Amino acid sequence: MNGDRISKLIARAGICSRRDAEKLVIEGRITFNGNVINNLAEKFLNTDGIAVDGKKLQQKQSKLWLYHKPVGLVVSHKDEQQRETIFDFLPIKERVISVGRLDKNTSGLLLLTNDGELARELELPSNNYERVYLVRVFGRLNFKEIQNSLKHGITIDGIKYKPIKIEQVNDGAMNNWIQLTISEGKNREIRKILSYFDLKISRLMRIKYGPYILGNLKPGECVLKR
């Protein structure tokens, strides 16, 4: 049968990620024409007749926003520590999810979408979307040593990181700006790598994600890209 798996349709509608959609199916919360769906492999041509917790699933137009995340906000719909999240301040009126995350003390470009399937496509490491960061570091910077260590990839605490491109923006004594380009986006990747070289990050900002650029967006500003 042609069509898409139920988890993909739910993710595309912006309800949740595909993985979380599979959990909804397993929990018996998805129905088709009133009947509970219990087969994750079952395919459907569209969303007609599909409901989540009794509410009809609406297929939305896929949208993507560029957002300048400020320092101090976490990227989560619910935070166990009751910290302020980006979703407390977004001007977007519909439910959106983030493409990956930036930690609380990292600012810059964050992609937001109402399409869970698009988010998954942009996040997958195999799609090799490059992320570019500007970093201000404190410490004695042996640029050539770090550059040589990163250009073929590096293993830190048993975790392998793909090759990383590093460029020196200025040449200071103990405070330097550098630019890093990564393609994986592993958890706190840049912070862990620079800490390995005894460098302390005083500012970390993402300025590019794949073809999308932060540009002149001010902290807290958001613009619909497509």
C-alpha atoms as a PDB file:
ATOM      1  CA  MET A   1       0.000   0.000   0.000  1.00  0.00           C
ATOM      2  CA  ASN A   2       1.246   3.471  -0.865  1.00  0.00           C
ATOM      3  CA  GLY A   3       1.247   6.254   1.691  1.00  0.00           C
ATOM      4  CA  ASP A   4       3.120   7.039   4.876  1.00  0.00           C
ATOM      5  CA  ARG A   5       3.395   5.398   8.259  1.00  0.00           C
ATOM      6  CA  ILE A   6       1.167   6.859  10.931  1.00  0.00           C
ATOM      7  CA  SER A   7       4.138   8.175  12.935  1.00  0.00           C
ATOM      8  CA  LYS A   8       5.357  10.143   9.934  1.00  0.00           C
ATOM      9  CA  LEU A   9       1.949  11.733   9.349  1.00  0.00           C
ATOM     10  CA  ILE A  10       1.683  12.755  12.993  1.00  0.00           C
ATOM     11  CA  ALA A  11       5.191  14.245  12.966  1.00  0.00           C
ATOM     12  CA  ARG A  12       4.498  16.125   9.748  1.00  0.00           C
ATOM     13  CA  ALA A  13       1.389  17.625  11.348  1.00  0.00           C
ATOM     14  CA  GLY A  14       3.607  19.108  14.070  1.00  0.00           C
ATOM     15  CA  ILE A  15       2.085  17.157  16.959  1.00  0.00           C
ATOM     16  CA  CYS A  16       5.402  15.680  18.095  1.00  0.00           C
ATOM     17  CA  SER A  17       8.484  13.904  16.793  1.00  0.00           C
ATOM     18  CA  ARG A  18       8.200  10.628  14.897  1.00  0.00           C
ATOM     19  CA  ARG A  19       9.616   8.722  17.873  1.00  0.00           C
ATOM     20  CA  ASP A  20       7.074  10.272  20.244  1.00  0.00           C
ATOM     21  CA  ALA A  21       4.330   9.540  17.703  1.00  0.00           C
ATOM     22  CA  GLU A  22       5.262   5.867  17.842  1.00  0.00           C
ATOM     23  CA  LYS A  23       4.800   6.011  21.622  1.00  0.00           C
ATOM     24  CA  LEU A  24       1.322   7.465  21.127  1.00  0.00           C
ATOM     25  CA  VAL A  25       0.441   4.521  18.881  1.00  0.00           C
ATOM     26  CA  ILE A  26       1.777   2.007  21.408  1.00  0.00           C
ATOM     27  CA  GLU A  27      -0.266   3.717  24.147  1.00  0.00           C
ATOM     28  CA  GLY A  28      -3.438   3.316  22.037  1.00  0.00           C
ATOM     29  CA  ARG A  29      -4.034   7.049  21.715  1.00  0.00           C
ATOM     30  CA  ILE A  30      -4.298   7.119  17.906  1.00  0.00           C
ATOM     31  CA  THR A  31      -7.482   6.096  16.081  1.00  0.00           C
ATOM     32  CA  PHE A  32      -8.619   5.774  12.477  1.00  0.00           C
ATOM     33  CA  ASN A  33     -12.357   6.203  11.932  1.00  0.00           C
ATOM     34  CA  GLY A  34     -12.831   5.509  15.627  1.00  0.00           C
ATOM     35  CA  ASN A  35     -10.751   2.332  15.720  1.00  0.00           C
ATOM     36  CA  VAL A  36      -7.496   2.210  17.671  1.00  0.00           C
ATOM     37  CA  ILE A  37      -4.392   1.898  15.500  1.00  0.00           C
ATOM     38  CA  ASN A  38      -1.976  -0.674  16.947  1.00  0.00           C
ATOM     39  CA  ASN A  39       0.274  -1.372  13.952  1.00  0.00           C
ATOM     40  CA  LEU A  40       3.225   0.995  13.590  1.00  0.00           C
ATOM     41  CA  ALA A  41       3.864  -0.226  10.040  1.00  0.00           C
ATOM     42  CA  GLU A  42       0.353   0.518   8.779  1.00  0.00           C
ATOM     43  CA  LYS A  43       0.310   3.207   6.064  1.00  0.00           C
ATOM     44  CA  PHE A  44      -2.198   5.928   5.219  1.00  0.00           C
ATOM     45  CA  LEU A  45      -2.577   8.142   2.160  1.00  0.00           C
ATOM     46  CA  ASN A  46      -3.490  11.228   4.225  1.00  0.00           C
ATOM     47  CA  THR A  47      -4.736  12.316   7.634  1.00  0.00           C
ATOM     48  CA  ASP A  48      -8.440  11.832   6.907  1.00  0.00           C
ATOM     49  CA  GLY A  49     -10.085   9.880   9.722  1.00  0.00           C
ATOM     50  CA  ILE A  50      -7.017   9.956  11.975  1.00  0.00           C
ATOM     51  CA  ALA A  51      -7.371  11.348  15.489  1.00  0.00           C
ATOM     52  CA  VAL A  52      -4.998  11.900  18.406  1.00  0.00           C
ATOM     53  CA  ASP A  53      -6.653  11.559  21.817  1.00  0.00           C
ATOM     54  CA  GLY A  54      -9.983  11.916  20.044  1.00  0.00           C
ATOM     55  CA  LYS A  55      -9.011  15.139  18.272  1.00  0.00           C
ATOM     56  CA  LYS A  56      -8.955  15.080  14.485  1.00  0.00           C
ATOM     57  CA  LEU A  57      -5.474  15.322  13.024  1.00  0.00           C
ATOM     58  CA  GLN A  58      -5.096  18.355  10.795  1.00  0.00           C
ATOM     59  CA  GLN A  59      -2.400  18.414   8.136  1.00  0.00           C
ATOM     60  CA  LYS A  60      -0.659  21.770   8.376  1.00  0.00           C
ATOM     61  CA  GLN A  61       1.283  23.757   5.837  1.00  0.00           C
ATOM     62  CA  SER A  62       4.954  23.135   6.524  1.00  0.00           C
ATOM     63  CA  LYS A  63       6.641  26.274   7.869  1.00  0.00           C
ATOM     64  CA  LEU A  64      10.137  27.158   9.051  1.00  0.00           C
ATOM     65  CA  TRP A  65      11.164  30.102  11.222  1.00  0.00           C
ATOM     66  CA  LEU A  66      14.585  31.557  12.012  1.00  0.00           C
ATOM     67  CA  TYR A  67      14.865  32.590  15.658  1.00  0.00           C
ATOM     68  CA  HIS A  68      17.653  34.393  17.500  1.00  0.00           C
ATOM     69  CA  LYS A  69      17.765  32.574  20.824  1.00  0.00           C
ATOM     70  CA  PRO A  70      18.923  34.807  23.697  1.00  0.00           C
ATOM     71  CA  VAL A  71      21.237  33.650  26.469  1.00  0.00           C
ATOM     72  CA  GLY A  72      19.377  32.519  29.598  1.00  0.00           C
ATOM     73  CA  LEU A  73      16.487  30.606  28.033  1.00  0.00           C
ATOM     74  CA  VAL A  74      16.257  26.831  27.698  1.00  0.00           C
ATOM     75  CA  VAL A  75      14.958  25.082  24.586  1.00  0.00           C
ATOM     76  CA  SER A  76      12.211  22.878  25.972  1.00  0.00           C
ATOM     77  CA  HIS A  77       8.414  22.879  26.070  1.00  0.00           C
ATOM     78  CA  LYS A  78       8.552  21.773  29.717  1.00  0.00           C
ATOM     79  CA  ASP A  79      11.458  22.363  32.066  1.00  0.00           C
ATOM     80  CA  GLU A  80      11.646  20.297  35.258  1.00  0.00           C
ATOM     81  CA  GLN A  81      13.545  23.106  37.004  1.00  0.00           C
ATOM     82  CA  GLN A  82      10.845  25.660  36.093  1.00  0.00           C
ATOM     83  CA  ARG A  83      13.332  27.781  34.154  1.00  0.00           C
ATOM     84  CA  GLU A  84      12.150  30.186  31.471  1.00  0.00           C
ATOM     85  CA  THR A  85      12.025  28.634  28.001  1.00  0.00           C
ATOM     86  CA  ILE A  86      12.038  30.104  24.517  1.00  0.00           C
ATOM     87  CA  PHE A  87       8.413  29.025  24.158  1.00  0.00           C
ATOM     88  CA  ASP A  88       7.407  31.438  26.956  1.00  0.00           C
ATOM     89  CA  PHE A  89       8.360  34.377  24.740  1.00  0.00           C
ATOM     90  CA  LEU A  90       7.899  33.306  21.110  1.00  0.00           C
ATOM     91  CA  PRO A  91       5.613  35.532  19.024  1.00  0.00           C
ATOM     92  CA  ILE A  92       4.505  32.480  16.987  1.00  0.00           C
ATOM     93  CA  LYS A  93       0.848  31.642  17.603  1.00  0.00           C
ATOM     94  CA  GLU A  94       0.899  27.966  16.602  1.00  0.00           C
ATOM     95  CA  ARG A  95       2.691  25.002  18.165  1.00  0.00           C
ATOM     96  CA  VAL A  96       6.243  24.654  16.907  1.00  0.00           C
ATOM     97  CA  ILE A  97       9.222  22.467  17.720  1.00  0.00           C
ATOM     98  CA  SER A  98      12.901  23.260  17.574  1.00  0.00           C
ATOM     99  CA  VAL A  99      15.394  21.744  15.175  1.00  0.00           C
ATOM    100  CA  GLY A 100      17.887  20.445  17.716  1.00  0.00           C
ATOM    101  CA  ARG A 101      18.709  22.589  20.721  1.00  0.00           C
ATOM    102  CA  LEU A 102      21.014  25.280  22.039  1.00  0.00           C
ATOM    103  CA  ASP A 103      21.914  25.141  25.718  1.00  0.00           C
ATOM    104  CA  LYS A 104      20.916  27.851  28.174  1.00  0.00           C
ATOM    105  CA  ASN A 105      24.151  29.829  27.832  1.00  0.00           C
ATOM    106  CA  THR A 106      24.373  29.596  24.051  1.00  0.00           C
ATOM    107  CA  SER A 107      22.747  32.192  21.828  1.00  0.00           C
ATOM    108  CA  GLY A 108      22.165  32.555  18.121  1.00  0.00           C
ATOM    109  CA  LEU A 109      20.333  30.854  15.300  1.00  0.00           C
ATOM    110  CA  LEU A 110      17.683  28.289  16.190  1.00  0.00           C
ATOM    111  CA  LEU A 111      15.372  26.818  13.556  1.00  0.00           C
ATOM    112  CA  LEU A 112      11.721  26.311  14.500  1.00  0.00           C
ATOM    113  CA  THR A 113       9.075  24.442  12.547  1.00  0.00           C
ATOM    114  CA  ASN A 114       5.512  23.158  12.766  1.00  0.00           C
ATOM    115  CA  ASP A 115       6.581  20.067  10.796  1.00  0.00           C
ATOM    116  CA  GLY A 116       8.130  17.255  12.836  1.00  0.00           C
ATOM    117  CA  GLU A 117       9.281  15.429   9.729  1.00  0.00           C
ATOM    118  CA  LEU A 118      11.130  18.526   8.483  1.00  0.00           C
ATOM    119  CA  ALA A 119      12.795  18.867  11.888  1.00  0.00           C
ATOM    120  CA  ARG A 120      13.962  15.269  11.686  1.00  0.00           C
ATOM    121  CA  GLU A 121      15.385  15.802   8.196  1.00  0.00           C
ATOM    122  CA  LEU A 122      17.341  18.875   9.306  1.00  0.00           C
ATOM    123  CA  GLU A 123      18.646  17.156  12.458  1.00  0.00           C
ATOM    124  CA  LEU A 124      19.891  13.883  10.964  1.00  0.00           C
ATOM    125  CA  PRO A 125      23.731  13.770  11.061  1.00  0.00           C
ATOM    126  CA  SER A 126      23.714  11.761   7.812  1.00  0.00           C
ATOM    127  CA  ASN A 127      22.332  14.824   5.990  1.00  0.00           C
ATOM    128  CA  ASN A 128      25.491  16.761   6.931  1.00  0.00           C
ATOM    129  CA  TYR A 129      23.942  20.165   7.609  1.00  0.00           C
ATOM    130  CA  GLU A 130      26.853  22.295   8.781  1.00  0.00           C
ATOM    131  CA  ARG A 131      26.486  24.402  11.924  1.00  0.00           C
ATOM    132  CA  VAL A 132      28.753  27.441  12.252  1.00  0.00           C
ATOM    133  CA  TYR A 133      29.542  29.014  15.622  1.00  0.00           C
ATOM    134  CA  LEU A 134      31.376  32.118  16.773  1.00  0.00           C
ATOM    135  CA  VAL A 135      33.183  31.474  20.038  1.00  0.00           C
ATOM    136  CA  ARG A 136      35.069  33.768  22.405  1.00  0.00           C
ATOM    137  CA  VAL A 137      37.536  31.776  24.456  1.00  0.00           C
ATOM    138  CA  PHE A 138      39.764  32.602  27.388  1.00  0.00           C
ATOM    139  CA  GLY A 139      43.095  30.847  27.702  1.00  0.00           C
ATOM    140  CA  ARG A 140      46.325  30.403  25.815  1.00  0.00           C
ATOM    141  CA  LEU A 141      45.289  29.503  22.287  1.00  0.00           C
ATOM    142  CA  ASN A 142      47.641  27.220  20.366  1.00  0.00           C
ATOM    143  CA  PHE A 143      45.657  27.566  17.167  1.00  0.00           C
ATOM    144  CA  LYS A 144      47.779  25.334  14.922  1.00  0.00           C
ATOM    145  CA  GLU A 145      47.778  22.512  17.454  1.00  0.00           C
ATOM    146  CA  ILE A 146      43.993  22.616  17.811  1.00  0.00           C
ATOM    147  CA  GLN A 147      43.499  22.919  14.062  1.00  0.00           C
ATOM    148  CA  ASN A 148      45.656  19.864  13.377  1.00  0.00           C
ATOM    149  CA  SER A 149      43.893  17.871  16.098  1.00  0.00           C
ATOM    150  CA  LEU A 150      40.410  18.626  14.789  1.00  0.00           C
ATOM    151  CA  LYS A 151      40.829  18.392  11.034  1.00  0.00           C
ATOM    152  CA  HIS A 152      40.700  14.575  11.025  1.00  0.00           C
ATOM    153  CA  GLY A 153      38.287  14.217  13.926  1.00  0.00           C
ATOM    154  CA  ILE A 154      38.995  13.621  17.589  1.00  0.00           C
ATOM    155  CA  THR A 155      37.990  11.221  20.374  1.00  0.00           C
ATOM    156  CA  ILE A 156      37.349  12.639  23.850  1.00  0.00           C
ATOM    157  CA  ASP A 157      36.246  10.472  26.794  1.00  0.00           C
ATOM    158  CA  GLY A 158      35.379   7.678  24.391  1.00  0.00           C
ATOM    159  CA  ILE A 159      33.196   9.886  22.175  1.00  0.00           C
ATOM    160  CA  LYS A 160      34.234  10.272  18.540  1.00  0.00           C
ATOM    161  CA  TYR A 161      33.721  13.620  16.848  1.00  0.00           C
ATOM    162  CA  LYS A 162      33.834  14.149  13.107  1.00  0.00           C
ATOM    163  CA  PRO A 163      36.372  16.562  11.562  1.00  0.00           C
ATOM    164  CA  ILE A 164      35.802  20.154  12.656  1.00  0.00           C
ATOM    165  CA  LYS A 165      36.887  23.241  10.774  1.00  0.00           C
ATOM    166  CA  ILE A 166      38.331  25.997  12.948  1.00  0.00           C
ATOM    167  CA  GLU A 167      39.252  29.545  11.900  1.00  0.00           C
ATOM    168  CA  GLN A 168      40.876  32.262  13.964  1.00  0.00           C
ATOM    169  CA  VAL A 169      38.912  35.516  13.866  1.00  0.00           C
ATOM    170  CA  ASN A 170      41.382  37.578  15.896  1.00  0.00           C
ATOM    171  CA  ASP A 171      44.788  37.065  17.490  1.00  0.00           C
ATOM    172  CA  GLY A 172      44.668  38.144  21.115  1.00  0.00           C
ATOM    173  CA  ALA A 173      46.763  37.286  24.145  1.00  0.00           C
ATOM    174  CA  MET A 174      44.294  35.401  26.352  1.00  0.00           C
ATOM    175  CA  ASN A 175      40.954  36.387  24.779  1.00  0.00           C
ATOM    176  CA  ASN A 176      40.316  35.160  21.257  1.00  0.00           C
ATOM    177  CA  TRP A 177      37.414  34.862  18.855  1.00  0.00           C
ATOM    178  CA  ILE A 178      37.346  31.701  16.769  1.00  0.00           C
ATOM    179  CA  GLN A 179      34.860  30.218  14.333  1.00  0.00           C
ATOM    180  CA  LEU A 180      33.986  26.522  14.378  1.00  0.00           C
ATOM    181  CA  THR A 181      32.092  24.549  11.742  1.00  0.00           C
ATOM    182  CA  ILE A 182      30.625  21.199  12.778  1.00  0.00           C
ATOM    183  CA  SER A 183      28.314  18.729  11.053  1.00  0.00           C
ATOM    184  CA  GLU A 184      27.067  16.515  13.902  1.00  0.00           C
ATOM    185  CA  GLY A 185      25.759  18.670  16.698  1.00  0.00           C
ATOM    186  CA  LYS A 186      26.395  16.199  19.518  1.00  0.00           C
ATOM    187  CA  ASN A 187      25.416  17.229  23.040  1.00  0.00           C
ATOM    188  CA  ARG A 188      27.552  20.211  24.160  1.00  0.00           C
ATOM    189  CA  GLU A 189      30.063  19.273  21.471  1.00  0.00           C
ATOM    190  CA  ILE A 190      31.907  22.592  21.229  1.00  0.00           C
ATOM    191  CA  ARG A 191      32.098  23.121  24.978  1.00  0.00           C
ATOM    192  CA  LYS A 192      33.532  19.649  25.559  1.00  0.00           C
ATOM    193  CA  ILE A 193      36.082  19.946  22.764  1.00  0.00           C
ATOM    194  CA  LEU A 194      37.395  23.380  23.754  1.00  0.00           C
ATOM    195  CA  SER A 195      37.508  22.340  27.417  1.00  0.00           C
ATOM    196  CA  TYR A 196      39.719  19.440  26.319  1.00  0.00           C
ATOM    197  CA  PHE A 197      42.217  22.071  25.101  1.00  0.00           C
ATOM    198  CA  ASP A 198      41.973  23.982  28.422  1.00  0.00           C
ATOM    199  CA  LEU A 199      39.995  26.844  26.889  1.00  0.00           C
ATOM    200  CA  LYS A 200      37.127  28.489  28.722  1.00  0.00           C
ATOM    201  CA  ILE A 201      34.186  29.715  26.669  1.00  0.00           C
ATOM    202  CA  SER A 202      32.947  33.189  27.583  1.00  0.00           C
ATOM    203  CA  ARG A 203      30.547  33.492  24.648  1.00  0.00           C
ATOM    204  CA  LEU A 204      29.090  30.977  22.207  1.00  0.00           C
ATOM    205  CA  MET A 205      26.799  31.942  19.330  1.00  0.00           C
ATOM    206  CA  ARG A 206      25.505  29.933  16.380  1.00  0.00           C
ATOM    207  CA  ILE A 207      25.453  32.048  13.235  1.00  0.00           C
ATOM    208  CA  LYS A 208      24.540  29.499  10.563  1.00  0.00           C
ATOM    209  CA  TYR A 209      22.663  26.199  10.192  1.00  0.00           C
ATOM    210  CA  GLY A 210      22.906  24.609   6.762  1.00  0.00           C
ATOM    211  CA  PRO A 211      21.766  27.259   4.253  1.00  0.00           C
ATOM    212  CA  TYR A 212      20.137  29.416   6.954  1.00  0.00           C
ATOM    213  CA  ILE A 213      21.995  32.442   8.373  1.00  0.00           C
ATOM    214  CA  LEU A 214      21.386  34.446  11.551  1.00  0.00           C
ATOM    215  CA  GLY A 215      22.134  37.708   9.775  1.00  0.00           C
ATOM    216  CA  ASN A 216      20.848  40.837  11.505  1.00  0.00           C
ATOM    217  CA  LEU A 217      18.222  39.130  13.667  1.00  0.00           C
ATOM    218  CA  LYS A 218      18.295  40.596  17.167  1.00  0.00           C
ATOM    219  CA  PRO A 219      17.981  38.416  20.312  1.00  0.00           C
ATOM    220  CA  GLY A 220      14.369  37.320  20.664  1.00  0.00           C
ATOM    221  CA  GLU A 221      13.453  38.159  17.074  1.00  0.00           C
ATOM    222  CA  CYS A 222      11.839  35.564  14.842  1.00  0.00           C
ATOM    223  CA  VAL A 223      11.168  35.555  11.095  1.00  0.00           C
ATOM    224  CA  LEU A 224       9.200  33.162   8.886  1.00  0.00           C
ATOM    225  CA  LYS A 225      11.568  31.764   6.261  1.00  0.00           C
ATOM    226  CA  ARG A 226       9.182  29.544   4.328  1.00  0.00           C
END
